[in-house]
Amino acid sequence: FAWDPGEPTSTDPLEYPVYWYPRSDPRVYQLAGTFAEFVAWVDADWR
């Protein structure tokens, strides 16, 4: 899981888009627009 600090999704408060970077695949996916959205995504994915 990684952020891209070069393209913030919000400046106040500061947030970055969250990406999933698979080590066995050249495709990189955006999962969320903020860290809180990432936590919610993790929870939904587990369920």
ModelCIF file with pLDDT and N, C-alpha, C, O atoms, coordinates in Angstrom:
data_MODEL
#
_entry.id   MODEL 
#
_entity.id                         1 
_entity.type                       polymer 
_entity.pdbx_number_of_molecules   1 
#
_entity_poly.entity_id                      1 
_entity_poly.type                           'polypeptide(L)' 
_entity_poly.nstd_linkage                   no 
_entity_poly.nstd_monomer                   no 
_entity_poly.pdbx_seq_one_letter_code       FAWDPGEPTSTDPLEYPVYWYPRSDPRVYQLAGTFAEFVAWVDADWR 
_entity_poly.pdbx_seq_one_letter_code_can   FAWDPGEPTSTDPLEYPVYWYPRSDPRVYQLAGTFAEFVAWVDADWR 
_entity_poly.pdbx_strand_id                 A 
#
loop_
_entity_poly_seq.entity_id 
_entity_poly_seq.num 
_entity_poly_seq.mon_id 
_entity_poly_seq.hetero 
1 1  PHE n 
1 2  ALA n 
1 3  TRP n 
1 4  ASP n 
1 5  PRO n 
1 6  GLY n 
1 7  GLU n 
1 8  PRO n 
1 9  THR n 
1 10 SER n 
1 11 THR n 
1 12 ASP n 
1 13 PRO n 
1 14 LEU n 
1 15 GLU n 
1 16 TYR n 
1 17 PRO n 
1 18 VAL n 
1 19 TYR n 
1 20 TRP n 
1 21 TYR n 
1 22 PRO n 
1 23 ARG n 
1 24 SER n 
1 25 ASP n 
1 26 PRO n 
1 27 ARG n 
1 28 VAL n 
1 29 TYR n 
1 30 GLN n 
1 31 LEU n 
1 32 ALA n 
1 33 GLY n 
1 34 THR n 
1 35 PHE n 
1 36 ALA n 
1 37 GLU n 
1 38 PHE n 
1 39 VAL n 
1 40 ALA n 
1 41 TRP n 
1 42 VAL n 
1 43 ASP n 
1 44 ALA n 
1 45 ASP n 
1 46 TRP n 
1 47 ARG n 
#
_struct_asym.id          A 
_struct_asym.entity_id   1 
#
loop_
_ma_qa_metric.id 
_ma_qa_metric.mode 
_ma_qa_metric.name 
_ma_qa_metric.software_group_id 
_ma_qa_metric.type 
1 global pLDDT . pLDDT 
2 local  pLDDT . pLDDT 
#
_ma_qa_metric_global.metric_id      1 
_ma_qa_metric_global.metric_value   93.53 
_ma_qa_metric_global.model_id       1 
_ma_qa_metric_global.ordinal_id     1 
#
loop_
_ma_qa_metric_local.label_asym_id 
_ma_qa_metric_local.label_comp_id 
_ma_qa_metric_local.label_seq_id 
_ma_qa_metric_local.metric_id 
_ma_qa_metric_local.metric_value 
_ma_qa_metric_local.model_id 
_ma_qa_metric_local.ordinal_id 
A PHE 1  2 96.00 1 1  
A ALA 2  2 96.00 1 2  
A TRP 3  2 95.00 1 3  
A ASP 4  2 95.00 1 4  
A PRO 5  2 96.00 1 5  
A GLY 6  2 95.00 1 6  
A GLU 7  2 95.00 1 7  
A PRO 8  2 97.00 1 8  
A THR 9  2 97.00 1 9  
A SER 10 2 96.00 1 10 
A THR 11 2 96.00 1 11 
A ASP 12 2 96.00 1 12 
A PRO 13 2 96.00 1 13 
A LEU 14 2 97.00 1 14 
A GLU 15 2 98.00 1 15 
A TYR 16 2 98.00 1 16 
A PRO 17 2 97.00 1 17 
A VAL 18 2 97.00 1 18 
A TYR 19 2 95.00 1 19 
A TRP 20 2 92.00 1 20 
A TYR 21 2 86.00 1 21 
A PRO 22 2 81.00 1 22 
A ARG 23 2 73.00 1 23 
A SER 24 2 74.00 1 24 
A ASP 25 2 78.00 1 25 
A PRO 26 2 80.00 1 26 
A ARG 27 2 84.00 1 27 
A VAL 28 2 88.00 1 28 
A TYR 29 2 89.00 1 29 
A GLN 30 2 95.00 1 30 
A LEU 31 2 96.00 1 31 
A ALA 32 2 97.00 1 32 
A GLY 33 2 97.00 1 33 
A THR 34 2 97.00 1 34 
A PHE 35 2 98.00 1 35 
A ALA 36 2 98.00 1 36 
A GLU 37 2 98.00 1 37 
A PHE 38 2 98.00 1 38 
A VAL 39 2 98.00 1 39 
A ALA 40 2 97.00 1 40 
A TRP 41 2 97.00 1 41 
A VAL 42 2 96.00 1 42 
A ASP 43 2 97.00 1 43 
A ALA 44 2 97.00 1 44 
A ASP 45 2 95.00 1 45 
A TRP 46 2 96.00 1 46 
A ARG 47 2 96.00 1 47 
#
loop_
_atom_site.group_PDB 
_atom_site.id 
_atom_site.type_symbol 
_atom_site.label_atom_id 
_atom_site.label_alt_id 
_atom_site.label_comp_id 
_atom_site.label_asym_id 
_atom_site.label_entity_id 
_atom_site.label_seq_id 
_atom_site.pdbx_PDB_ins_code 
_atom_site.Cartn_x 
_atom_site.Cartn_y 
_atom_site.Cartn_z 
_atom_site.occupancy 
_atom_site.B_iso_or_equiv 
_atom_site.pdbx_formal_charge 
_atom_site.auth_seq_id 
_atom_site.auth_comp_id 
_atom_site.auth_asym_id 
_atom_site.auth_atom_id 
_atom_site.pdbx_PDB_model_num 
ATOM 1   N N  . PHE A 1 1  ? 0.854   -1.182  0.000   1.00 96.00 ? 1  PHE A N  1 
ATOM 2   C CA . PHE A 1 1  ? 0.000   0.000   0.000   1.00 96.00 ? 1  PHE A CA 1 
ATOM 3   C C  . PHE A 1 1  ? 0.897   1.241   0.000   1.00 96.00 ? 1  PHE A C  1 
ATOM 4   O O  . PHE A 1 1  ? 1.883   1.304   0.733   1.00 96.00 ? 1  PHE A O  1 
ATOM 5   N N  . ALA A 1 2  ? 0.544   2.216   -0.823  1.00 96.00 ? 2  ALA A N  1 
ATOM 6   C CA . ALA A 1 2  ? 1.404   3.393   -0.962  1.00 96.00 ? 2  ALA A CA 1 
ATOM 7   C C  . ALA A 1 2  ? 0.566   4.644   -1.200  1.00 96.00 ? 2  ALA A C  1 
ATOM 8   O O  . ALA A 1 2  ? -0.555  4.578   -1.706  1.00 96.00 ? 2  ALA A O  1 
ATOM 9   N N  . TRP A 1 3  ? 1.141   5.790   -0.820  1.00 95.00 ? 3  TRP A N  1 
ATOM 10  C CA . TRP A 1 3  ? 0.555   7.094   -1.134  1.00 95.00 ? 3  TRP A CA 1 
ATOM 11  C C  . TRP A 1 3  ? 1.312   7.711   -2.296  1.00 95.00 ? 3  TRP A C  1 
ATOM 12  O O  . TRP A 1 3  ? 2.472   7.390   -2.553  1.00 95.00 ? 3  TRP A O  1 
ATOM 13  N N  . ASP A 1 4  ? 0.630   8.594   -2.981  1.00 95.00 ? 4  ASP A N  1 
ATOM 14  C CA . ASP A 1 4  ? 1.284   9.438   -3.972  1.00 95.00 ? 4  ASP A CA 1 
ATOM 15  C C  . ASP A 1 4  ? 1.228   10.873  -3.458  1.00 95.00 ? 4  ASP A C  1 
ATOM 16  O O  . ASP A 1 4  ? 0.216   11.552  -3.630  1.00 95.00 ? 4  ASP A O  1 
ATOM 17  N N  . PRO A 1 5  ? 2.312   11.343  -2.824  1.00 96.00 ? 5  PRO A N  1 
ATOM 18  C CA . PRO A 1 5  ? 2.291   12.705  -2.259  1.00 96.00 ? 5  PRO A CA 1 
ATOM 19  C C  . PRO A 1 5  ? 2.318   13.797  -3.321  1.00 96.00 ? 5  PRO A C  1 
ATOM 20  O O  . PRO A 1 5  ? 2.148   14.974  -3.003  1.00 96.00 ? 5  PRO A O  1 
ATOM 21  N N  . GLY A 1 6  ? 2.531   13.415  -4.584  1.00 95.00 ? 6  GLY A N  1 
ATOM 22  C CA . GLY A 1 6  ? 2.569   14.416  -5.646  1.00 95.00 ? 6  GLY A CA 1 
ATOM 23  C C  . GLY A 1 6  ? 1.205   14.860  -6.116  1.00 95.00 ? 6  GLY A C  1 
ATOM 24  O O  . GLY A 1 6  ? 1.090   15.857  -6.830  1.00 95.00 ? 6  GLY A O  1 
ATOM 25  N N  . GLU A 1 7  ? 0.153   14.129  -5.725  1.00 95.00 ? 7  GLU A N  1 
ATOM 26  C CA . GLU A 1 7  ? -1.196  14.487  -6.155  1.00 95.00 ? 7  GLU A CA 1 
ATOM 27  C C  . GLU A 1 7  ? -2.163  14.427  -4.975  1.00 95.00 ? 7  GLU A C  1 
ATOM 28  O O  . GLU A 1 7  ? -2.993  13.520  -4.910  1.00 95.00 ? 7  GLU A O  1 
ATOM 29  N N  . PRO A 1 8  ? -2.072  15.368  -4.048  1.00 97.00 ? 8  PRO A N  1 
ATOM 30  C CA . PRO A 1 8  ? -2.962  15.341  -2.884  1.00 97.00 ? 8  PRO A CA 1 
ATOM 31  C C  . PRO A 1 8  ? -4.429  15.432  -3.282  1.00 97.00 ? 8  PRO A C  1 
ATOM 32  O O  . PRO A 1 8  ? -4.794  16.161  -4.205  1.00 97.00 ? 8  PRO A O  1 
ATOM 33  N N  . THR A 1 9  ? -5.258  14.682  -2.573  1.00 97.00 ? 9  THR A N  1 
ATOM 34  C CA . THR A 1 9  ? -6.701  14.740  -2.820  1.00 97.00 ? 9  THR A CA 1 
ATOM 35  C C  . THR A 1 9  ? -7.353  15.836  -1.991  1.00 97.00 ? 9  THR A C  1 
ATOM 36  O O  . THR A 1 9  ? -8.491  16.228  -2.252  1.00 97.00 ? 9  THR A O  1 
ATOM 37  N N  . SER A 1 10 ? -6.624  16.334  -0.985  1.00 96.00 ? 10 SER A N  1 
ATOM 38  C CA . SER A 1 10 ? -7.113  17.416  -0.138  1.00 96.00 ? 10 SER A CA 1 
ATOM 39  C C  . SER A 1 10 ? -5.900  18.111  0.460   1.00 96.00 ? 10 SER A C  1 
ATOM 40  O O  . SER A 1 10 ? -4.893  17.469  0.759   1.00 96.00 ? 10 SER A O  1 
ATOM 41  N N  . THR A 1 11 ? -5.998  19.416  0.632   1.00 96.00 ? 11 THR A N  1 
ATOM 42  C CA . THR A 1 11 ? -4.892  20.175  1.239   1.00 96.00 ? 11 THR A CA 1 
ATOM 43  C C  . THR A 1 11 ? -5.207  20.617  2.658   1.00 96.00 ? 11 THR A C  1 
ATOM 44  O O  . THR A 1 11 ? -4.288  20.950  3.406   1.00 96.00 ? 11 THR A O  1 
ATOM 45  N N  . ASP A 1 12 ? -6.465  20.632  3.050   1.00 96.00 ? 12 ASP A N  1 
ATOM 46  C CA . ASP A 1 12 ? -6.847  21.035  4.406   1.00 96.00 ? 12 ASP A CA 1 
ATOM 47  C C  . ASP A 1 12 ? -8.095  20.259  4.831   1.00 96.00 ? 12 ASP A C  1 
ATOM 48  O O  . ASP A 1 12 ? -9.217  20.692  4.568   1.00 96.00 ? 12 ASP A O  1 
ATOM 49  N N  . PRO A 1 13 ? -7.896  19.093  5.499   1.00 96.00 ? 13 PRO A N  1 
ATOM 50  C CA . PRO A 1 13 ? -6.619  18.505  5.912   1.00 96.00 ? 13 PRO A CA 1 
ATOM 51  C C  . PRO A 1 13 ? -5.898  17.845  4.744   1.00 96.00 ? 13 PRO A C  1 
ATOM 52  O O  . PRO A 1 13 ? -6.512  17.484  3.740   1.00 96.00 ? 13 PRO A O  1 
ATOM 53  N N  . LEU A 1 14 ? -4.583  17.694  4.892   1.00 97.00 ? 14 LEU A N  1 
ATOM 54  C CA . LEU A 1 14 ? -3.782  17.102  3.827   1.00 97.00 ? 14 LEU A CA 1 
ATOM 55  C C  . LEU A 1 14 ? -4.043  15.605  3.716   1.00 97.00 ? 14 LEU A C  1 
ATOM 56  O O  . LEU A 1 14 ? -3.943  14.879  4.705   1.00 97.00 ? 14 LEU A O  1 
ATOM 57  N N  . GLU A 1 15 ? -4.375  15.145  2.519   1.00 98.00 ? 15 GLU A N  1 
ATOM 58  C CA . GLU A 1 15 ? -4.588  13.722  2.260   1.00 98.00 ? 15 GLU A CA 1 
ATOM 59  C C  . GLU A 1 15 ? -4.050  13.379  0.877   1.00 98.00 ? 15 GLU A C  1 
ATOM 60  O O  . GLU A 1 15 ? -4.014  14.224  -0.018  1.00 98.00 ? 15 GLU A O  1 
ATOM 61  N N  . TYR A 1 16 ? -3.631  12.119  0.716   1.00 98.00 ? 16 TYR A N  1 
ATOM 62  C CA . TYR A 1 16 ? -3.112  11.631  -0.555  1.00 98.00 ? 16 TYR A CA 1 
ATOM 63  C C  . TYR A 1 16 ? -3.929  10.423  -1.020  1.00 98.00 ? 16 TYR A C  1 
ATOM 64  O O  . TYR A 1 16 ? -4.532  9.733   -0.198  1.00 98.00 ? 16 TYR A O  1 
ATOM 65  N N  . PRO A 1 17 ? -3.952  10.165  -2.329  1.00 97.00 ? 17 PRO A N  1 
ATOM 66  C CA . PRO A 1 17 ? -4.596  8.935   -2.809  1.00 97.00 ? 17 PRO A CA 1 
ATOM 67  C C  . PRO A 1 17 ? -3.779  7.712   -2.388  1.00 97.00 ? 17 PRO A C  1 
ATOM 68  O O  . PRO A 1 17 ? -2.549  7.756   -2.351  1.00 97.00 ? 17 PRO A O  1 
ATOM 69  N N  . VAL A 1 18 ? -4.477  6.624   -2.073  1.00 97.00 ? 18 VAL A N  1 
ATOM 70  C CA . VAL A 1 18 ? -3.835  5.386   -1.643  1.00 97.00 ? 18 VAL A CA 1 
ATOM 71  C C  . VAL A 1 18 ? -3.901  4.373   -2.784  1.00 97.00 ? 18 VAL A C  1 
ATOM 72  O O  . VAL A 1 18 ? -4.955  4.159   -3.383  1.00 97.00 ? 18 VAL A O  1 
ATOM 73  N N  . TYR A 1 19 ? -2.748  3.750   -3.076  1.00 95.00 ? 19 TYR A N  1 
ATOM 74  C CA . TYR A 1 19 ? -2.655  2.792   -4.161  1.00 95.00 ? 19 TYR A CA 1 
ATOM 75  C C  . TYR A 1 19 ? -2.255  1.418   -3.634  1.00 95.00 ? 19 TYR A C  1 
ATOM 76  O O  . TYR A 1 19 ? -1.577  1.294   -2.615  1.00 95.00 ? 19 TYR A O  1 
ATOM 77  N N  . TRP A 1 20 ? -2.691  0.401   -4.354  1.00 92.00 ? 20 TRP A N  1 
ATOM 78  C CA . TRP A 1 20 ? -2.229  -0.974  -4.107  1.00 92.00 ? 20 TRP A CA 1 
ATOM 79  C C  . TRP A 1 20 ? -1.218  -1.311  -5.180  1.00 92.00 ? 20 TRP A C  1 
ATOM 80  O O  . TRP A 1 20 ? -1.497  -1.216  -6.375  1.00 92.00 ? 20 TRP A O  1 
ATOM 81  N N  . TYR A 1 21 ? -0.036  -1.706  -4.732  1.00 86.00 ? 21 TYR A N  1 
ATOM 82  C CA . TYR A 1 21 ? 1.073   -1.988  -5.632  1.00 86.00 ? 21 TYR A CA 1 
ATOM 83  C C  . TYR A 1 21 ? 1.406   -3.466  -5.540  1.00 86.00 ? 21 TYR A C  1 
ATOM 84  O O  . TYR A 1 21 ? 2.156   -3.857  -4.645  1.00 86.00 ? 21 TYR A O  1 
ATOM 85  N N  . PRO A 1 22 ? 0.879   -4.312  -6.433  1.00 81.00 ? 22 PRO A N  1 
ATOM 86  C CA . PRO A 1 22 ? 1.170   -5.747  -6.391  1.00 81.00 ? 22 PRO A CA 1 
ATOM 87  C C  . PRO A 1 22 ? 2.572   -6.032  -6.897  1.00 81.00 ? 22 PRO A C  1 
ATOM 88  O O  . PRO A 1 22 ? 2.985   -5.484  -7.919  1.00 81.00 ? 22 PRO A O  1 
ATOM 89  N N  . ARG A 1 23 ? 3.299   -6.873  -6.202  1.00 73.00 ? 23 ARG A N  1 
ATOM 90  C CA . ARG A 1 23 ? 4.684   -7.152  -6.584  1.00 73.00 ? 23 ARG A CA 1 
ATOM 91  C C  . ARG A 1 23 ? 4.793   -8.140  -7.743  1.00 73.00 ? 23 ARG A C  1 
ATOM 92  O O  . ARG A 1 23 ? 5.880   -8.322  -8.292  1.00 73.00 ? 23 ARG A O  1 
ATOM 93  N N  . SER A 1 24 ? 3.697   -8.773  -8.122  1.00 74.00 ? 24 SER A N  1 
ATOM 94  C CA . SER A 1 24 ? 3.748   -9.751  -9.212  1.00 74.00 ? 24 SER A CA 1 
ATOM 95  C C  . SER A 1 24 ? 2.914   -9.314  -10.411 1.00 74.00 ? 24 SER A C  1 
ATOM 96  O O  . SER A 1 24 ? 2.574   -10.130 -11.267 1.00 74.00 ? 24 SER A O  1 
ATOM 97  N N  . ASP A 1 25 ? 2.589   -8.036  -10.468 1.00 78.00 ? 25 ASP A N  1 
ATOM 98  C CA . ASP A 1 25 ? 1.696   -7.553  -11.518 1.00 78.00 ? 25 ASP A CA 1 
ATOM 99  C C  . ASP A 1 25 ? 2.080   -6.120  -11.846 1.00 78.00 ? 25 ASP A C  1 
ATOM 100 O O  . ASP A 1 25 ? 2.348   -5.348  -10.926 1.00 78.00 ? 25 ASP A O  1 
ATOM 101 N N  . PRO A 1 26 ? 2.121   -5.732  -13.104 1.00 80.00 ? 26 PRO A N  1 
ATOM 102 C CA . PRO A 1 26 ? 2.502   -4.361  -13.458 1.00 80.00 ? 26 PRO A CA 1 
ATOM 103 C C  . PRO A 1 26 ? 1.397   -3.330  -13.256 1.00 80.00 ? 26 PRO A C  1 
ATOM 104 O O  . PRO A 1 26 ? 1.619   -2.133  -13.441 1.00 80.00 ? 26 PRO A O  1 
ATOM 105 N N  . ARG A 1 27 ? 0.202   -3.795  -12.876 1.00 84.00 ? 27 ARG A N  1 
ATOM 106 C CA . ARG A 1 27 ? -0.915  -2.860  -12.708 1.00 84.00 ? 27 ARG A CA 1 
ATOM 107 C C  . ARG A 1 27 ? -0.962  -2.319  -11.284 1.00 84.00 ? 27 ARG A C  1 
ATOM 108 O O  . ARG A 1 27 ? -0.867  -3.075  -10.317 1.00 84.00 ? 27 ARG A O  1 
ATOM 109 N N  . VAL A 1 28 ? -1.108  -1.008  -11.169 1.00 88.00 ? 28 VAL A N  1 
ATOM 110 C CA . VAL A 1 28 ? -1.202  -0.334  -9.876  1.00 88.00 ? 28 VAL A CA 1 
ATOM 111 C C  . VAL A 1 28 ? -2.601  0.260   -9.770  1.00 88.00 ? 28 VAL A C  1 
ATOM 112 O O  . VAL A 1 28 ? -3.050  0.988   -10.655 1.00 88.00 ? 28 VAL A O  1 
ATOM 113 N N  . TYR A 1 29 ? -3.286  -0.063  -8.667  1.00 89.00 ? 29 TYR A N  1 
ATOM 114 C CA . TYR A 1 29 ? -4.685  0.344   -8.515  1.00 89.00 ? 29 TYR A CA 1 
ATOM 115 C C  . TYR A 1 29 ? -4.848  1.403   -7.423  1.00 89.00 ? 29 TYR A C  1 
ATOM 116 O O  . TYR A 1 29 ? -4.215  1.314   -6.372  1.00 89.00 ? 29 TYR A O  1 
ATOM 117 N N  . GLN A 1 30 ? -5.695  2.400   -7.671  1.00 95.00 ? 30 GLN A N  1 
ATOM 118 C CA . GLN A 1 30 ? -6.044  3.335   -6.616  1.00 95.00 ? 30 GLN A CA 1 
ATOM 119 C C  . GLN A 1 30 ? -7.178  2.736   -5.795  1.00 95.00 ? 30 GLN A C  1 
ATOM 120 O O  . GLN A 1 30 ? -8.204  2.322   -6.335  1.00 95.00 ? 30 GLN A O  1 
ATOM 121 N N  . LEU A 1 31 ? -6.973  2.696   -4.472  1.00 96.00 ? 31 LEU A N  1 
ATOM 122 C CA . LEU A 1 31 ? -7.962  2.108   -3.570  1.00 96.00 ? 31 LEU A CA 1 
ATOM 123 C C  . LEU A 1 31 ? -8.821  3.145   -2.869  1.00 96.00 ? 31 LEU A C  1 
ATOM 124 O O  . LEU A 1 31 ? -10.004 2.910   -2.624  1.00 96.00 ? 31 LEU A O  1 
ATOM 125 N N  . ALA A 1 32 ? -8.236  4.290   -2.545  1.00 97.00 ? 32 ALA A N  1 
ATOM 126 C CA . ALA A 1 32 ? -8.957  5.262   -1.724  1.00 97.00 ? 32 ALA A CA 1 
ATOM 127 C C  . ALA A 1 32 ? -8.385  6.657   -1.951  1.00 97.00 ? 32 ALA A C  1 
ATOM 128 O O  . ALA A 1 32 ? -7.289  6.818   -2.488  1.00 97.00 ? 32 ALA A O  1 
ATOM 129 N N  . GLY A 1 33 ? -9.146  7.651   -1.533  1.00 97.00 ? 33 GLY A N  1 
ATOM 130 C CA . GLY A 1 33 ? -8.703  9.036   -1.664  1.00 97.00 ? 33 GLY A CA 1 
ATOM 131 C C  . GLY A 1 33 ? -8.099  9.612   -0.412  1.00 97.00 ? 33 GLY A C  1 
ATOM 132 O O  . GLY A 1 33 ? -7.443  10.653  -0.462  1.00 97.00 ? 33 GLY A O  1 
ATOM 133 N N  . THR A 1 34 ? -8.313  8.939   0.741   1.00 97.00 ? 34 THR A N  1 
ATOM 134 C CA . THR A 1 34 ? -7.773  9.388   2.025   1.00 97.00 ? 34 THR A CA 1 
ATOM 135 C C  . THR A 1 34 ? -7.362  8.173   2.839   1.00 97.00 ? 34 THR A C  1 
ATOM 136 O O  . THR A 1 34 ? -7.699  7.041   2.492   1.00 97.00 ? 34 THR A O  1 
ATOM 137 N N  . PHE A 1 35 ? -6.625  8.412   3.935   1.00 98.00 ? 35 PHE A N  1 
ATOM 138 C CA . PHE A 1 35 ? -6.231  7.296   4.775   1.00 98.00 ? 35 PHE A CA 1 
ATOM 139 C C  . PHE A 1 35 ? -7.445  6.676   5.457   1.00 98.00 ? 35 PHE A C  1 
ATOM 140 O O  . PHE A 1 35 ? -7.510  5.452   5.579   1.00 98.00 ? 35 PHE A O  1 
ATOM 141 N N  . ALA A 1 36 ? -8.399  7.470   5.901   1.00 98.00 ? 36 ALA A N  1 
ATOM 142 C CA . ALA A 1 36 ? -9.605  6.926   6.534   1.00 98.00 ? 36 ALA A CA 1 
ATOM 143 C C  . ALA A 1 36 ? -10.383 6.057   5.546   1.00 98.00 ? 36 ALA A C  1 
ATOM 144 O O  . ALA A 1 36 ? -10.910 5.012   5.925   1.00 98.00 ? 36 ALA A O  1 
ATOM 145 N N  . GLU A 1 37 ? -10.458 6.478   4.295   1.00 98.00 ? 37 GLU A N  1 
ATOM 146 C CA . GLU A 1 37 ? -11.122 5.656   3.285   1.00 98.00 ? 37 GLU A CA 1 
ATOM 147 C C  . GLU A 1 37 ? -10.367 4.342   3.081   1.00 98.00 ? 37 GLU A C  1 
ATOM 148 O O  . GLU A 1 37 ? -10.981 3.306   2.829   1.00 98.00 ? 37 GLU A O  1 
ATOM 149 N N  . PHE A 1 38 ? -9.048  4.383   3.190   1.00 98.00 ? 38 PHE A N  1 
ATOM 150 C CA . PHE A 1 38 ? -8.252  3.162   3.092   1.00 98.00 ? 38 PHE A CA 1 
ATOM 151 C C  . PHE A 1 38 ? -8.591  2.205   4.227   1.00 98.00 ? 38 PHE A C  1 
ATOM 152 O O  . PHE A 1 38 ? -8.753  1.008   3.992   1.00 98.00 ? 38 PHE A O  1 
ATOM 153 N N  . VAL A 1 39 ? -8.701  2.712   5.460   1.00 98.00 ? 39 VAL A N  1 
ATOM 154 C CA . VAL A 1 39 ? -9.056  1.866   6.604   1.00 98.00 ? 39 VAL A CA 1 
ATOM 155 C C  . VAL A 1 39 ? -10.424 1.240   6.377   1.00 98.00 ? 39 VAL A C  1 
ATOM 156 O O  . VAL A 1 39 ? -10.621 0.061   6.671   1.00 98.00 ? 39 VAL A O  1 
ATOM 157 N N  . ALA A 1 40 ? -11.367 2.011   5.860   1.00 97.00 ? 40 ALA A N  1 
ATOM 158 C CA . ALA A 1 40 ? -12.699 1.483   5.563   1.00 97.00 ? 40 ALA A CA 1 
ATOM 159 C C  . ALA A 1 40 ? -12.622 0.425   4.452   1.00 97.00 ? 40 ALA A C  1 
ATOM 160 O O  . ALA A 1 40 ? -13.340 -0.574  4.502   1.00 97.00 ? 40 ALA A O  1 
ATOM 161 N N  . TRP A 1 41 ? -11.766 0.637   3.463   1.00 97.00 ? 41 TRP A N  1 
ATOM 162 C CA . TRP A 1 41 ? -11.600 -0.348  2.389   1.00 97.00 ? 41 TRP A CA 1 
ATOM 163 C C  . TRP A 1 41 ? -11.030 -1.651  2.928   1.00 97.00 ? 41 TRP A C  1 
ATOM 164 O O  . TRP A 1 41 ? -11.507 -2.731  2.580   1.00 97.00 ? 41 TRP A O  1 
ATOM 165 N N  . VAL A 1 42 ? -10.010 -1.554  3.778   1.00 96.00 ? 42 VAL A N  1 
ATOM 166 C CA . VAL A 1 42 ? -9.403  -2.741  4.391   1.00 96.00 ? 42 VAL A CA 1 
ATOM 167 C C  . VAL A 1 42 ? -10.457 -3.555  5.131   1.00 96.00 ? 42 VAL A C  1 
ATOM 168 O O  . VAL A 1 42 ? -10.520 -4.779  5.007   1.00 96.00 ? 42 VAL A O  1 
ATOM 169 N N  . ASP A 1 43 ? -11.285 -2.851  5.905   1.00 97.00 ? 43 ASP A N  1 
ATOM 170 C CA . ASP A 1 43 ? -12.321 -3.535  6.673   1.00 97.00 ? 43 ASP A CA 1 
ATOM 171 C C  . ASP A 1 43 ? -13.320 -4.228  5.752   1.00 97.00 ? 43 ASP A C  1 
ATOM 172 O O  . ASP A 1 43 ? -13.693 -5.378  5.985   1.00 97.00 ? 43 ASP A O  1 
ATOM 173 N N  . ALA A 1 44 ? -13.748 -3.533  4.716   1.00 97.00 ? 44 ALA A N  1 
ATOM 174 C CA . ALA A 1 44 ? -14.711 -4.116  3.776   1.00 97.00 ? 44 ALA A CA 1 
ATOM 175 C C  . ALA A 1 44 ? -14.102 -5.300  3.026   1.00 97.00 ? 44 ALA A C  1 
ATOM 176 O O  . ALA A 1 44 ? -14.785 -6.291  2.765   1.00 97.00 ? 44 ALA A O  1 
ATOM 177 N N  . ASP A 1 45 ? -12.823 -5.195  2.681   1.00 95.00 ? 45 ASP A N  1 
ATOM 178 C CA . ASP A 1 45 ? -12.165 -6.279  1.953   1.00 95.00 ? 45 ASP A CA 1 
ATOM 179 C C  . ASP A 1 45 ? -12.065 -7.527  2.823   1.00 95.00 ? 45 ASP A C  1 
ATOM 180 O O  . ASP A 1 45 ? -12.256 -8.644  2.341   1.00 95.00 ? 45 ASP A O  1 
ATOM 181 N N  . TRP A 1 46 ? -11.764 -7.333  4.111   1.00 96.00 ? 46 TRP A N  1 
ATOM 182 C CA . TRP A 1 46 ? -11.684 -8.487  5.008   1.00 96.00 ? 46 TRP A CA 1 
ATOM 183 C C  . TRP A 1 46 ? -13.039 -9.171  5.141   1.00 96.00 ? 46 TRP A C  1 
ATOM 184 O O  . TRP A 1 46 ? -13.124 -10.398 5.091   1.00 96.00 ? 46 TRP A O  1 
ATOM 185 N N  . ARG A 1 47 ? -14.082 -8.396  5.308   1.00 96.00 ? 47 ARG A N  1 
ATOM 186 C CA . ARG A 1 47 ? -15.423 -8.977  5.461   1.00 96.00 ? 47 ARG A CA 1 
ATOM 187 C C  . ARG A 1 47 ? -15.855 -9.720  4.190   1.00 96.00 ? 47 ARG A C  1 
ATOM 188 O O  . ARG A 1 47 ? -16.955 -10.271 4.141   1.00 96.00 ? 47 ARG A O  1 
#
